[in-house]
Structure formats: structure tokens, C-alpha cells
N, C-alpha and C. Protein backbone atom coordinates (compact mmCIF):
# COMPACT_ATOMS: atom_id res chain seq x y z
N UNK A 1 125.14 104.89 139.13
CA UNK A 1 125.13 104.71 138.30
C UNK A 1 123.60 104.00 137.98
N UNK A 2 122.85 104.54 136.54
CA UNK A 2 121.46 103.62 136.67
C UNK A 2 121.94 103.05 135.50
N UNK A 3 121.37 101.53 134.90
CA UNK A 3 121.61 101.01 133.67
C UNK A 3 120.71 100.48 133.77
N UNK A 4 120.07 101.14 131.97
CA UNK A 4 119.34 100.49 131.23
C UNK A 4 118.36 99.31 130.98
N UNK A 5 117.65 98.54 131.19
CA UNK A 5 117.39 97.18 130.60
C UNK A 5 116.31 97.47 129.42
N UNK A 6 117.05 96.54 128.08
CA UNK A 6 116.93 97.01 126.95
C UNK A 6 115.59 95.99 126.31
N UNK A 7 114.39 96.39 125.77
CA UNK A 7 113.20 95.61 125.74
C UNK A 7 113.41 94.81 124.57
N UNK A 8 112.92 93.63 124.75
CA UNK A 8 112.83 92.20 123.49
C UNK A 8 112.60 93.45 121.72
N UNK A 9 111.32 94.90 122.44
CA UNK A 9 111.20 95.07 120.57
C UNK A 9 112.02 96.66 121.03
N UNK A 10 113.28 95.67 121.04
CA UNK A 10 113.75 97.28 121.25
C UNK A 10 113.82 97.28 119.11
N UNK A 11 114.36 98.46 119.15
CA UNK A 11 114.20 98.74 117.84
C UNK A 11 115.91 99.21 117.27
N UNK A 12 116.35 99.71 118.15
CA UNK A 12 118.11 98.35 117.60
C UNK A 12 118.40 97.39 117.97
N UNK A 13 117.94 96.92 117.98
CA UNK A 13 118.09 94.91 118.35
C UNK A 13 117.43 94.32 117.97
N UNK A 14 116.65 94.91 116.94
CA UNK A 14 115.59 94.29 115.44
C UNK A 14 116.71 95.25 114.66
N UNK A 15 117.39 96.51 114.05
CA UNK A 15 118.51 97.13 113.25
C UNK A 15 119.92 96.11 113.23
N UNK A 16 120.04 95.34 115.10
CA UNK A 16 121.27 94.60 114.63
C UNK A 16 121.12 93.98 113.67
N UNK A 17 119.53 93.02 114.99
CA UNK A 17 119.44 91.50 113.57
C UNK A 17 119.55 90.93 112.36
N UNK A 18 118.82 92.95 111.40
CA UNK A 18 118.47 92.96 110.22
C UNK A 18 119.32 93.21 109.26
N UNK A 19 120.24 93.82 110.10
CA UNK A 19 121.90 94.61 109.19
C UNK A 19 123.43 93.54 108.87
N UNK A 20 122.53 92.20 109.94
CA UNK A 20 123.29 91.03 109.79
C UNK A 20 123.65 90.77 109.24
N UNK A 21 122.36 90.01 108.64
CA UNK A 21 122.31 88.64 107.27
C UNK A 21 121.69 89.66 106.23
N UNK A 22 122.28 91.17 105.66
CA UNK A 22 122.18 91.23 104.54
C UNK A 22 122.73 92.46 104.07
N UNK A 23 123.40 93.15 103.53
CA UNK A 23 123.91 93.90 103.00
C UNK A 23 124.37 93.70 101.35
N UNK A 24 124.74 95.26 101.41
CA UNK A 24 123.87 95.71 99.46
C UNK A 24 126.04 95.61 99.16
N UNK A 25 125.41 95.03 97.32
CA UNK A 25 126.90 95.37 96.28
C UNK A 25 126.65 96.16 95.25
N UNK A 26 127.72 96.30 94.58
CA UNK A 26 127.14 97.76 93.59
C UNK A 26 126.77 96.75 92.75
N UNK A 27 125.78 95.50 91.73
CA UNK A 27 125.40 95.40 91.51
C UNK A 27 123.93 95.35 91.83
N UNK A 28 123.82 94.50 93.51
CA UNK A 28 122.30 94.76 94.09
C UNK A 28 122.85 95.84 95.30
N UNK A 29 122.62 97.01 95.24
CA UNK A 29 122.38 97.58 96.79
C UNK A 29 121.59 97.40 97.15
N UNK A 30 121.47 97.75 98.41
CA UNK A 30 120.41 98.04 99.74
C UNK A 30 119.75 99.11 99.76
N UNK A 31 118.81 99.41 99.73
CA UNK A 31 117.88 100.56 99.93
C UNK A 31 117.61 100.87 101.33
N UNK A 32 117.99 101.59 101.82
CA UNK A 32 117.70 101.11 103.43
C UNK A 32 116.89 102.62 104.02
N UNK A 33 115.62 102.66 104.55
CA UNK A 33 114.63 103.31 105.20
C UNK A 33 114.67 103.65 106.02
N UNK A 34 114.36 105.20 106.58
CA UNK A 34 114.55 105.88 107.72
C UNK A 34 113.02 106.61 107.83
N UNK A 35 112.68 106.51 108.48
CA UNK A 35 111.28 106.76 109.15
C UNK A 35 111.13 107.45 110.12
N UNK A 36 110.77 109.16 109.98
CA UNK A 36 109.91 110.26 111.31
C UNK A 36 109.18 110.17 111.47
N UNK A 37 108.54 111.22 112.43
CA UNK A 37 107.08 111.43 112.36
C UNK A 37 106.09 112.21 111.29
N UNK A 38 107.76 113.13 110.71
CA UNK A 38 106.75 113.62 109.13
C UNK A 38 107.50 112.87 107.67
N UNK A 39 108.83 112.72 107.27
CA UNK A 39 109.00 111.82 106.65
C UNK A 39 109.71 110.34 106.52
N UNK A 40 109.73 110.48 105.33
CA UNK A 40 110.46 109.34 104.96
C UNK A 40 111.28 108.78 104.23
N UNK A 41 112.72 108.46 104.39
CA UNK A 41 113.89 108.20 104.03
C UNK A 41 114.15 107.23 103.54
N UNK A 42 115.00 106.69 102.41
CA UNK A 42 115.48 105.92 101.38
C UNK A 42 116.94 106.91 100.83
N UNK A 43 117.51 105.67 100.57
CA UNK A 43 118.58 105.50 100.18
C UNK A 43 120.21 104.17 99.81
N UNK A 44 120.24 104.17 98.38
CA UNK A 44 121.13 102.95 97.99
C UNK A 44 122.47 103.16 98.16
N UNK A 45 123.02 101.90 98.58
CA UNK A 45 124.14 101.48 100.20
C UNK A 45 124.18 100.90 99.61
N UNK A 46 125.88 100.82 98.67
CA UNK A 46 126.66 100.14 98.27
C UNK A 46 127.93 99.35 99.92
N UNK A 47 127.20 97.98 100.42
CA UNK A 47 127.72 98.34 101.79
C UNK A 47 129.94 97.86 101.39
N UNK A 48 130.14 97.89 100.19
CA UNK A 48 130.91 97.13 99.71
C UNK A 48 131.83 98.05 99.90
N UNK A 49 132.79 98.96 98.83
CA UNK A 49 132.72 100.08 98.77
C UNK A 49 132.03 100.95 100.51
N UNK A 50 131.59 100.89 100.54
CA UNK A 50 131.24 102.13 101.91
C UNK A 50 129.81 103.55 101.31
N UNK A 51 129.77 103.11 100.14
CA UNK A 51 129.07 104.71 99.34
C UNK A 51 127.55 104.72 99.16
N UNK A 52 127.35 105.79 99.48
CA UNK A 52 125.55 105.88 98.88
C UNK A 52 125.12 106.17 97.57
N UNK A 53 124.38 105.63 96.77
CA UNK A 53 124.76 106.19 95.29
C UNK A 53 124.05 106.80 94.77
N UNK A 54 122.22 106.44 96.07
CA UNK A 54 121.57 107.46 95.58
C UNK A 54 120.02 107.28 96.69
N UNK A 55 120.59 108.89 97.41
CA UNK A 55 118.97 108.68 98.11
C UNK A 55 118.01 109.90 97.70
N UNK A 56 116.92 110.12 98.40
CA UNK A 56 116.19 110.53 98.65
C UNK A 56 114.61 111.01 99.16
N UNK A 57 113.59 111.79 99.91
CA UNK A 57 113.23 111.65 100.64
C UNK A 57 111.60 112.81 100.44
N UNK A 58 110.98 112.48 100.62
CA UNK A 58 109.64 112.68 100.40
C UNK A 58 108.90 114.17 100.62
N UNK A 59 110.11 115.08 101.72
CA UNK A 59 110.06 116.19 101.54
C UNK A 59 109.48 117.43 100.78
N UNK A 60 109.53 117.25 99.15
CA UNK A 60 109.18 118.19 98.18
C UNK A 60 107.97 117.49 97.77
N UNK A 61 107.48 116.58 98.44
CA UNK A 61 106.44 115.70 97.03
C UNK A 61 104.63 117.05 97.69
N UNK A 62 103.97 117.84 97.59
CA UNK A 62 103.20 118.28 98.64
C UNK A 62 102.09 117.40 98.67
N UNK A 63 101.41 117.38 98.10
CA UNK A 63 99.85 116.14 98.18
C UNK A 63 100.33 115.11 98.18
N UNK A 64 98.94 115.22 99.27
CA UNK A 64 98.39 113.76 99.51
C UNK A 64 98.67 113.13 101.33
N UNK A 65 97.83 112.10 101.34
CA UNK A 65 98.89 111.49 102.78
C UNK A 65 100.05 111.20 103.14
N UNK A 66 101.17 110.35 103.80
CA UNK A 66 102.16 110.01 104.68
C UNK A 66 101.92 109.09 103.64
N UNK A 67 100.99 108.40 103.61
CA UNK A 67 101.72 106.33 102.78
C UNK A 67 101.37 106.75 100.98
N UNK A 68 100.70 108.23 100.91
CA UNK A 68 100.60 107.98 99.46
C UNK A 68 102.13 108.99 99.40
N UNK A 69 102.81 109.76 99.71
CA UNK A 69 103.74 110.16 99.62
C UNK A 69 105.27 109.60 99.59
N UNK A 70 105.25 108.08 100.77
CA UNK A 70 105.71 107.17 100.95
C UNK A 70 105.75 106.07 99.10
N UNK A 71 104.70 106.12 98.67
CA UNK A 71 104.45 105.01 97.42
C UNK A 71 104.92 106.31 96.57
N UNK A 72 104.87 107.48 95.91
CA UNK A 72 105.48 108.47 95.26
C UNK A 72 107.20 108.41 95.54
N UNK A 73 107.09 107.98 96.75
CA UNK A 73 109.07 108.18 96.68
C UNK A 73 109.50 106.81 96.31
N UNK A 74 108.18 105.63 96.39
CA UNK A 74 109.65 104.13 96.36
C UNK A 74 109.45 104.72 94.39
N UNK A 75 108.36 104.84 93.99
CA UNK A 75 108.46 104.99 92.20
C UNK A 75 108.74 106.34 91.76
N UNK A 76 109.72 106.82 92.72
CA UNK A 76 110.41 108.11 91.84
C UNK A 76 111.83 107.98 91.92
N UNK A 77 112.08 106.91 93.37
CA UNK A 77 113.36 106.15 93.10
C UNK A 77 114.17 104.96 92.86
N UNK A 78 112.78 104.57 92.12
CA UNK A 78 112.83 103.45 91.89
C UNK A 78 113.47 104.30 90.61
N UNK A 79 112.65 105.19 89.85
CA UNK A 79 112.49 105.67 88.46
C UNK A 79 114.37 105.85 87.99
N UNK A 80 114.62 106.89 89.27
CA UNK A 80 116.35 106.89 89.73
C UNK A 80 117.51 105.90 89.63
N UNK A 81 116.66 104.92 89.91
CA UNK A 81 118.19 103.99 90.05
C UNK A 81 117.98 102.82 88.81
N UNK A 82 117.53 103.55 88.66
CA UNK A 82 117.31 102.57 86.70
C UNK A 82 117.68 103.21 85.95
N UNK A 83 117.95 104.25 86.07
CA UNK A 83 118.64 105.33 85.81
C UNK A 83 119.56 105.05 85.67
N UNK A 84 120.02 104.33 86.86
CA UNK A 84 121.27 104.07 86.75
C UNK A 84 122.02 102.64 87.13
N UNK A 85 120.94 101.71 86.68
CA UNK A 85 121.14 100.85 85.67
C UNK A 85 121.12 99.83 86.62
N UNK A 86 120.63 99.49 87.64
CA UNK A 86 120.91 99.57 89.22
C UNK A 86 118.44 98.53 88.96
N UNK A 87 118.56 97.55 88.80
CA UNK A 87 117.13 96.46 88.54
C UNK A 87 117.43 95.73 90.16
N UNK A 88 117.56 94.69 90.44
CA UNK A 88 117.76 94.88 91.83
C UNK A 88 117.83 95.33 93.48
N UNK A 89 117.09 95.46 94.40
CA UNK A 89 118.21 95.61 95.60
C UNK A 89 117.51 94.94 96.69
N UNK A 90 118.11 95.10 97.71
CA UNK A 90 118.14 94.02 99.34
C UNK A 90 116.96 95.05 99.73
N UNK A 91 116.55 94.80 100.60
CA UNK A 91 114.95 95.62 100.70
C UNK A 91 115.71 95.15 102.82
N UNK A 92 116.00 96.55 103.41
CA UNK A 92 115.88 97.01 104.58
C UNK A 92 115.37 98.51 105.78
N UNK A 93 114.12 97.40 105.94
CA UNK A 93 113.27 98.38 106.60
C UNK A 93 113.88 98.48 108.03
N UNK A 94 114.80 98.69 108.21
CA UNK A 94 115.83 98.95 109.90
C UNK A 94 114.80 99.50 111.01
N UNK A 95 114.05 97.78 111.28
CA UNK A 95 113.85 97.65 111.80
C UNK A 95 112.03 98.21 112.53
N UNK A 96 111.57 98.26 111.27
CA UNK A 96 110.32 99.51 111.32
C UNK A 96 109.37 97.70 110.47
N UNK A 97 108.16 97.68 111.59
CA UNK A 97 107.48 97.52 110.56
C UNK A 97 106.98 96.98 109.33
N UNK A 98 106.69 96.05 108.58
CA UNK A 98 106.66 96.01 107.10
C UNK A 98 105.37 96.14 107.58
N UNK A 99 104.81 97.45 107.09
CA UNK A 99 102.66 98.08 107.61
C UNK A 99 103.52 99.35 106.52
N UNK A 100 102.18 100.07 105.83
CA UNK A 100 101.50 101.97 106.36
C UNK A 100 102.89 101.73 105.29
N UNK A 101 103.74 103.02 105.73
CA UNK A 101 104.75 104.11 105.37
C UNK A 101 105.53 102.80 104.13
N UNK A 102 106.49 101.84 105.13
CA UNK A 102 106.97 101.43 104.97
C UNK A 102 106.84 100.38 103.84
N UNK A 103 105.77 99.58 103.49
CA UNK A 103 105.03 99.33 102.79
C UNK A 103 104.76 99.46 101.67
N UNK A 104 104.23 100.88 101.78
CA UNK A 104 103.95 101.38 100.48
C UNK A 104 104.65 102.18 99.97
N UNK A 105 106.14 102.44 100.28
CA UNK A 105 107.51 102.50 99.79
C UNK A 105 107.48 101.54 98.82
N UNK A 106 107.44 99.88 99.44
CA UNK A 106 108.60 98.80 98.28
C UNK A 106 107.27 98.86 97.49
N UNK A 107 106.01 99.38 97.79
CA UNK A 107 104.95 98.27 97.22
C UNK A 107 105.62 99.39 95.24
N UNK A 108 105.47 100.55 95.20
CA UNK A 108 105.64 101.73 94.64
C UNK A 108 107.04 101.68 93.78
N UNK A 109 108.39 100.72 94.61
CA UNK A 109 109.47 100.82 93.70
C UNK A 109 109.50 99.47 93.11
N UNK A 110 108.13 98.81 94.10
CA UNK A 110 107.70 98.06 93.04
C UNK A 110 107.44 97.80 91.68
N UNK A 111 106.06 98.35 91.65
CA UNK A 111 105.25 99.26 90.61
C UNK A 111 106.47 100.21 89.61
N UNK A 112 107.07 100.61 89.95
CA UNK A 112 108.63 101.51 89.04
C UNK A 112 109.24 100.46 88.23
N UNK A 113 109.04 99.21 88.24
CA UNK A 113 110.17 98.18 87.41
C UNK A 113 111.48 97.84 88.67
N UNK A 114 111.73 97.36 89.91
CA UNK A 114 112.43 97.66 90.45
C UNK A 114 112.30 95.96 91.13
N UNK A 115 113.28 95.52 90.55
CA UNK A 115 112.74 94.06 91.97
C UNK A 115 113.66 94.18 93.56
N UNK A 116 112.84 93.83 94.27
CA UNK A 116 112.80 93.59 95.65
C UNK A 116 112.57 92.25 95.95
């Protein structure tokens, strides 16, 4: 049996480290980001009741680059969150570096009125 060694840059290690420090509540949910090669996904999670309050992705946004789509996703998910009376969130970047699409999504959410 071959044992695989984990490197220090392993994304799973970073995810566990980040998740051990943050959690979401009903008044201040966690916004978890998932980034694939083609799309970016965001969801608001209440960790006390283990429920997803809201989720969206950029697959319905047709125009723009990936970064522009992420910014539009941030704006649209923030508008939906404000309808649910969610004003503050905890940003969970899930091990991804805070640049590019992840940063653009966060900036779009801030522009629409969310406090991160």
C-alpha cells in the first residue's frame, strides 16, 4: 500500500485550518465559496442549525470574463441576502487565495451592501 504525503500547500489542510477558526450563525452566516475551472459558487450557511440559507452560482450570467461574472454573482447574492435581512457575513474562502475571482466576489458583495 502506498502512502501519500501531504504537502504544506495542500488545499485540504488550508480548508481545515480556516474552518476551525470561523463559523456562521443565523444573524451572521458564513458565506462559503467554491471555485471550479468553469464557475464559482457561493452559499450562506448557518452552522448552528447546519442549514443552507441561500445559494447561487455564476452559470446563469452570460456576459463577461470569469472575474466579472464573480463580481456580478457577489452583487446578486448580496441583494438576495439583504431581502432575507442578512447584513453581516463571515467570509469563508475555503483555502483559495484572496485574489482573482474570490476577491471579485467579495468586493461585489460589499458594493451591494453586505458587511464582510
